C-alpha atoms as a PDB file:
ATOM      1  CA  GLU A   1       0.606 -26.028  26.018  1.00  0.00           C
ATOM      2  CA  VAL A   2       0.234 -22.322  22.843  1.00  0.00           C
ATOM      3  CA  GLN A   3      -2.539 -22.756  21.813  1.00  0.00           C
ATOM      4  CA  LEU A   4      -4.280 -19.762  18.920  1.00  0.00           C
ATOM      5  CA  VAL A   5      -7.962 -20.559  17.414  1.00  0.00           C
ATOM      6  CA  GLU A   6      -8.824 -17.949  14.442  1.00  0.00           C
ATOM      7  CA  SER A   7     -12.910 -16.775  14.103  1.00  0.00           C
ATOM      8  CA  GLY A   8     -14.592 -14.636  12.360  1.00  0.00           C
ATOM      9  CA  GLY A   9     -13.717 -16.415   9.037  1.00  0.00           C
ATOM     10  CA  GLY A  10     -16.814 -16.254   6.574  1.00  0.00           C
ATOM     11  CA  LEU A  11     -18.164 -15.296   2.746  1.00  0.00           C
ATOM     12  CA  VAL A  12     -19.329 -11.479   1.865  1.00  0.00           C
ATOM     13  CA  GLN A  13     -19.690  -9.941  -0.816  1.00  0.00           C
ATOM     14  CA  ALA A  14     -16.446  -7.320  -2.396  1.00  0.00           C
ATOM     15  CA  GLY A  15     -15.809  -4.350  -0.855  1.00  0.00           C
ATOM     16  CA  GLY A  16     -17.953  -5.729   2.765  1.00  0.00           C
ATOM     17  CA  SER A  17     -15.755  -6.111   5.760  1.00  0.00           C
ATOM     18  CA  LEU A  18     -15.395  -8.432   8.698  1.00  0.00           C
ATOM     19  CA  ARG A  19     -12.994  -8.783  11.351  1.00  0.00           C
ATOM     20  CA  LEU A  20     -10.858 -11.734  12.122  1.00  0.00           C
ATOM     21  CA  SER A  21     -10.247 -12.608  15.936  1.00  0.00           C
ATOM     22  CA  CYS A  22      -7.146 -14.748  16.853  1.00  0.00           C
ATOM     23  CA  ALA A  23      -7.670 -16.175  20.976  1.00  0.00           C
ATOM     24  CA  GLY A  24      -4.350 -16.943  22.347  1.00  0.00           C
ATOM     25  CA  ALA A  25      -4.044 -19.649  25.963  1.00  0.00           C
ATOM     26  CA  GLY A  26      -1.164 -22.237  27.265  1.00  0.00           C
ATOM     27  CA  PHE A  27       1.515 -18.796  27.359  1.00  0.00           C
ATOM     28  CA  THR A  28       1.842 -14.936  27.959  1.00  0.00           C
ATOM     29  CA  PHE A  29       0.113 -13.360  25.500  1.00  0.00           C
ATOM     30  CA  ASP A  30       1.307  -9.777  26.347  1.00  0.00           C
ATOM     31  CA  ASP A  31       5.016 -10.658  25.288  1.00  0.00           C
ATOM     32  CA  TYR A  32       3.995 -11.948  22.217  1.00  0.00           C
ATOM     33  CA  ALA A  33       4.320 -10.767  19.021  1.00  0.00           C
ATOM     34  CA  ILE A  34       0.676 -11.718  16.751  1.00  0.00           C
ATOM     35  CA  THR A  35       1.111 -11.933  12.950  1.00  0.00           C
ATOM     36  CA  TRP A  36      -1.796 -12.820  10.860  1.00  0.00           C
ATOM     37  CA  PHE A  37      -1.039 -14.698   7.211  1.00  0.00           C
ATOM     38  CA  ARG A  38      -3.282 -16.080   4.352  1.00  0.00           C
ATOM     39  CA  GLN A  39      -2.810 -19.029   1.734  1.00  0.00           C
ATOM     40  CA  ALA A  40      -5.081 -18.572  -1.374  1.00  0.00           C
ATOM     41  CA  PRO A  41      -5.376 -22.052  -2.598  1.00  0.00           C
ATOM     42  CA  GLY A  42      -2.364 -23.205  -5.187  1.00  0.00           C
ATOM     43  CA  LYS A  43      -0.743 -20.128  -3.507  1.00  0.00           C
ATOM     44  CA  GLU A  44       2.216 -20.079  -0.516  1.00  0.00           C
ATOM     45  CA  ARG A  45       1.349 -18.561   2.976  1.00  0.00           C
ATOM     46  CA  GLU A  46       1.461 -15.041   2.966  1.00  0.00           C
ATOM     47  CA  GLY A  47       2.589 -12.482   5.870  1.00  0.00           C
ATOM     48  CA  LEU A  48       0.503  -9.544   6.146  1.00  0.00           C
ATOM     49  CA  CYS A  49       0.851  -7.635   9.513  1.00  0.00           C
ATOM     50  CA  ILE A  50       1.902  -7.722  13.007  1.00  0.00           C
ATOM     51  CA  SER A  51       0.814  -6.788  16.652  1.00  0.00           C
ATOM     52  CA  ARG A  52       3.628  -6.167  18.583  1.00  0.00           C
ATOM     53  CA  SER A  53       3.288  -6.768  22.089  1.00  0.00           C
ATOM     54  CA  ASP A  54       3.432  -3.053  23.061  1.00  0.00           C
ATOM     55  CA  GLY A  55       1.033  -2.602  20.500  1.00  0.00           C
ATOM     56  CA  SER A  56       2.344  -0.972  17.385  1.00  0.00           C
ATOM     57  CA  THR A  57       2.343  -2.453  14.096  1.00  0.00           C
ATOM     58  CA  TYR A  58       3.610  -3.522  10.361  1.00  0.00           C
ATOM     59  CA  TYR A  59       1.929  -4.168   7.783  1.00  0.00           C
ATOM     60  CA  ARG A  60       2.793  -5.312   4.147  1.00  0.00           C
ATOM     61  CA  ASP A  61       2.758  -2.916   1.873  1.00  0.00           C
ATOM     62  CA  SER A  62       0.153  -3.475  -0.922  1.00  0.00           C
ATOM     63  CA  LEU A  63      -2.298  -3.504   2.387  1.00  0.00           C
ATOM     64  CA  LYS A  64      -2.021  -0.272   4.070  1.00  0.00           C
ATOM     65  CA  GLY A  65      -4.951   1.138   4.428  1.00  0.00           C
ATOM     66  CA  ARG A  66      -7.898  -1.835   3.809  1.00  0.00           C
ATOM     67  CA  PHE A  67      -6.563  -4.053   6.422  1.00  0.00           C
ATOM     68  CA  ALA A  68      -6.197  -3.272  10.064  1.00  0.00           C
ATOM     69  CA  VAL A  69      -4.180  -5.062  13.149  1.00  0.00           C
ATOM     70  CA  SER A  70      -5.182  -4.405  16.589  1.00  0.00           C
ATOM     71  CA  ARG A  71      -5.002  -6.782  19.794  1.00  0.00           C
ATOM     72  CA  ASP A  72      -6.408  -6.628  23.158  1.00  0.00           C
ATOM     73  CA  ASN A  73      -3.644  -7.636  25.934  1.00  0.00           C
ATOM     74  CA  THR A  74      -6.713  -7.866  28.962  1.00  0.00           C
ATOM     75  CA  LYS A  75      -8.476 -10.275  26.824  1.00  0.00           C
ATOM     76  CA  ASN A  76      -5.949 -12.198  25.598  1.00  0.00           C
ATOM     77  CA  ILE A  77      -7.515 -11.055  21.848  1.00  0.00           C
ATOM     78  CA  GLY A  78      -5.530 -10.081  18.164  1.00  0.00           C
ATOM     79  CA  TYR A  79      -7.651  -8.906  16.153  1.00  0.00           C
ATOM     80  CA  LEU A  80      -7.481  -8.278  11.834  1.00  0.00           C
ATOM     81  CA  GLN A  81      -9.932  -5.877  10.459  1.00  0.00           C
ATOM     82  CA  LEU A  82     -10.740  -6.181   6.576  1.00  0.00           C
ATOM     83  CA  ASN A  83     -12.295  -3.967   4.896  1.00  0.00           C
ATOM     84  CA  ASN A  84     -13.196  -3.196   1.106  1.00  0.00           C
ATOM     85  CA  LEU A  85     -11.997  -6.966   0.360  1.00  0.00           C
ATOM     86  CA  ARG A  86     -12.037  -8.318  -2.429  1.00  0.00           C
ATOM     87  CA  PRO A  87     -11.945 -11.812  -4.587  1.00  0.00           C
ATOM     88  CA  GLU A  88      -8.311 -11.978  -4.099  1.00  0.00           C
ATOM     89  CA  ASP A  89      -8.448 -10.939  -0.645  1.00  0.00           C
ATOM     90  CA  THR A  90      -9.779 -14.748  -0.444  1.00  0.00           C
ATOM     91  CA  ALA A  91      -7.854 -17.501   1.208  1.00  0.00           C
ATOM     92  CA  ALA A  92      -7.413 -19.359   5.102  1.00  0.00           C
ATOM     93  CA  TYR A  93      -6.100 -16.236   7.432  1.00  0.00           C
ATOM     94  CA  TYR A  94      -4.308 -17.689   9.908  1.00  0.00           C
ATOM     95  CA  CYS A  95      -2.626 -16.074  12.959  1.00  0.00           C
ATOM     96  CA  ALA A  96       1.185 -17.197  15.078  1.00  0.00           C
ATOM     97  CA  ALA A  97       2.680 -15.716  17.392  1.00  0.00           C
ATOM     98  CA  ARG A  98       6.421 -15.458  18.380  1.00  0.00           C
ATOM     99  CA  ILE A  99       8.183 -13.048  21.038  1.00  0.00           C
ATOM    100  CA  ILE A 100      10.097 -10.483  19.362  1.00  0.00           C
ATOM    101  CA  SER A 101      12.650  -8.355  21.537  1.00  0.00           C
ATOM    102  CA  ASP A 102      11.555  -5.109  22.327  1.00  0.00           C
ATOM    103  CA  TYR A 103      14.246  -4.160  20.972  1.00  0.00           C
ATOM    104  CA  TYR A 104      15.169  -4.853  17.632  1.00  0.00           C
ATOM    105  CA  THR A 105      14.947  -2.380  14.947  1.00  0.00           C
ATOM    106  CA  GLY A 106      16.040  -4.816  12.014  1.00  0.00           C
ATOM    107  CA  ASP A 107      13.917  -5.598   8.867  1.00  0.00           C
ATOM    108  CA  TRP A 108      10.519  -6.708   9.682  1.00  0.00           C
ATOM    109  CA  PHE A 109       9.516  -8.078   6.180  1.00  0.00           C
ATOM    110  CA  LEU A 110      12.356 -11.124   8.495  1.00  0.00           C
ATOM    111  CA  PHE A 111       8.728 -11.319  10.720  1.00  0.00           C
ATOM    112  CA  LEU A 112       6.372 -11.717   7.422  1.00  0.00           C
ATOM    113  CA  ARG A 113       7.872 -15.747   6.869  1.00  0.00           C
ATOM    114  CA  GLU A 114       6.258 -18.380   7.340  1.00  0.00           C
ATOM    115  CA  SER A 115       9.253 -19.918   8.663  1.00  0.00           C
ATOM    116  CA  GLU A 116      10.188 -17.446  12.223  1.00  0.00           C
ATOM    117  CA  TYR A 117       7.215 -18.395  13.435  1.00  0.00           C
ATOM    118  CA  ASP A 118       6.628 -22.544  15.395  1.00  0.00           C
ATOM    119  CA  TYR A 119       3.261 -21.473  16.420  1.00  0.00           C
ATOM    120  CA  TRP A 120       0.123 -21.059  14.893  1.00  0.00           C
ATOM    121  CA  GLY A 121      -3.665 -21.188  14.911  1.00  0.00           C
ATOM    122  CA  GLN A 122      -5.713 -24.069  12.298  1.00  0.00           C
ATOM    123  CA  GLY A 123      -7.555 -20.736  10.895  1.00  0.00           C
ATOM    124  CA  THR A 124     -10.505 -19.365   8.991  1.00  0.00           C
ATOM    125  CA  GLN A 125     -11.790 -19.233   5.601  1.00  0.00           C
ATOM    126  CA  VAL A 126     -12.036 -16.161   4.112  1.00  0.00           C
ATOM    127  CA  THR A 127     -13.954 -16.349   0.893  1.00  0.00           C
ATOM    128  CA  VAL A 128     -15.367 -12.828  -1.073  1.00  0.00           C
ATOM    129  CA  SER A 129     -18.048 -13.484  -4.307  1.00  0.00           C
ATOM    130  CA  SER A 130     -17.748 -10.633  -6.571  1.00  0.00           C
END
């Protein structure tokens, strides 16, 4: 059974930082891309960034420079570093997993869509106070 468990969320002041973790179990972690999403109250779930199985990354343009995605395949954990947080970053943050072919050279924005993923964690709440 595929399991993804997020942790690391919390309450932080604007300008602060958090590091979220996504622990995977029940699948070959190295083979899967780990993608981070967030969902604010009343809004649709938004894809943020992708960590491919080989460690390469892709970001939504609006987040470049503030968020950083990484992974440690030896520990089966993905990470999302959140820096310079803003009140509008307040949301539940989720990780999701799927296999993306090493030969894929198409539009990476496709894989920021919620519908592309079958495996999800339960989410971790990030609240940024002003």
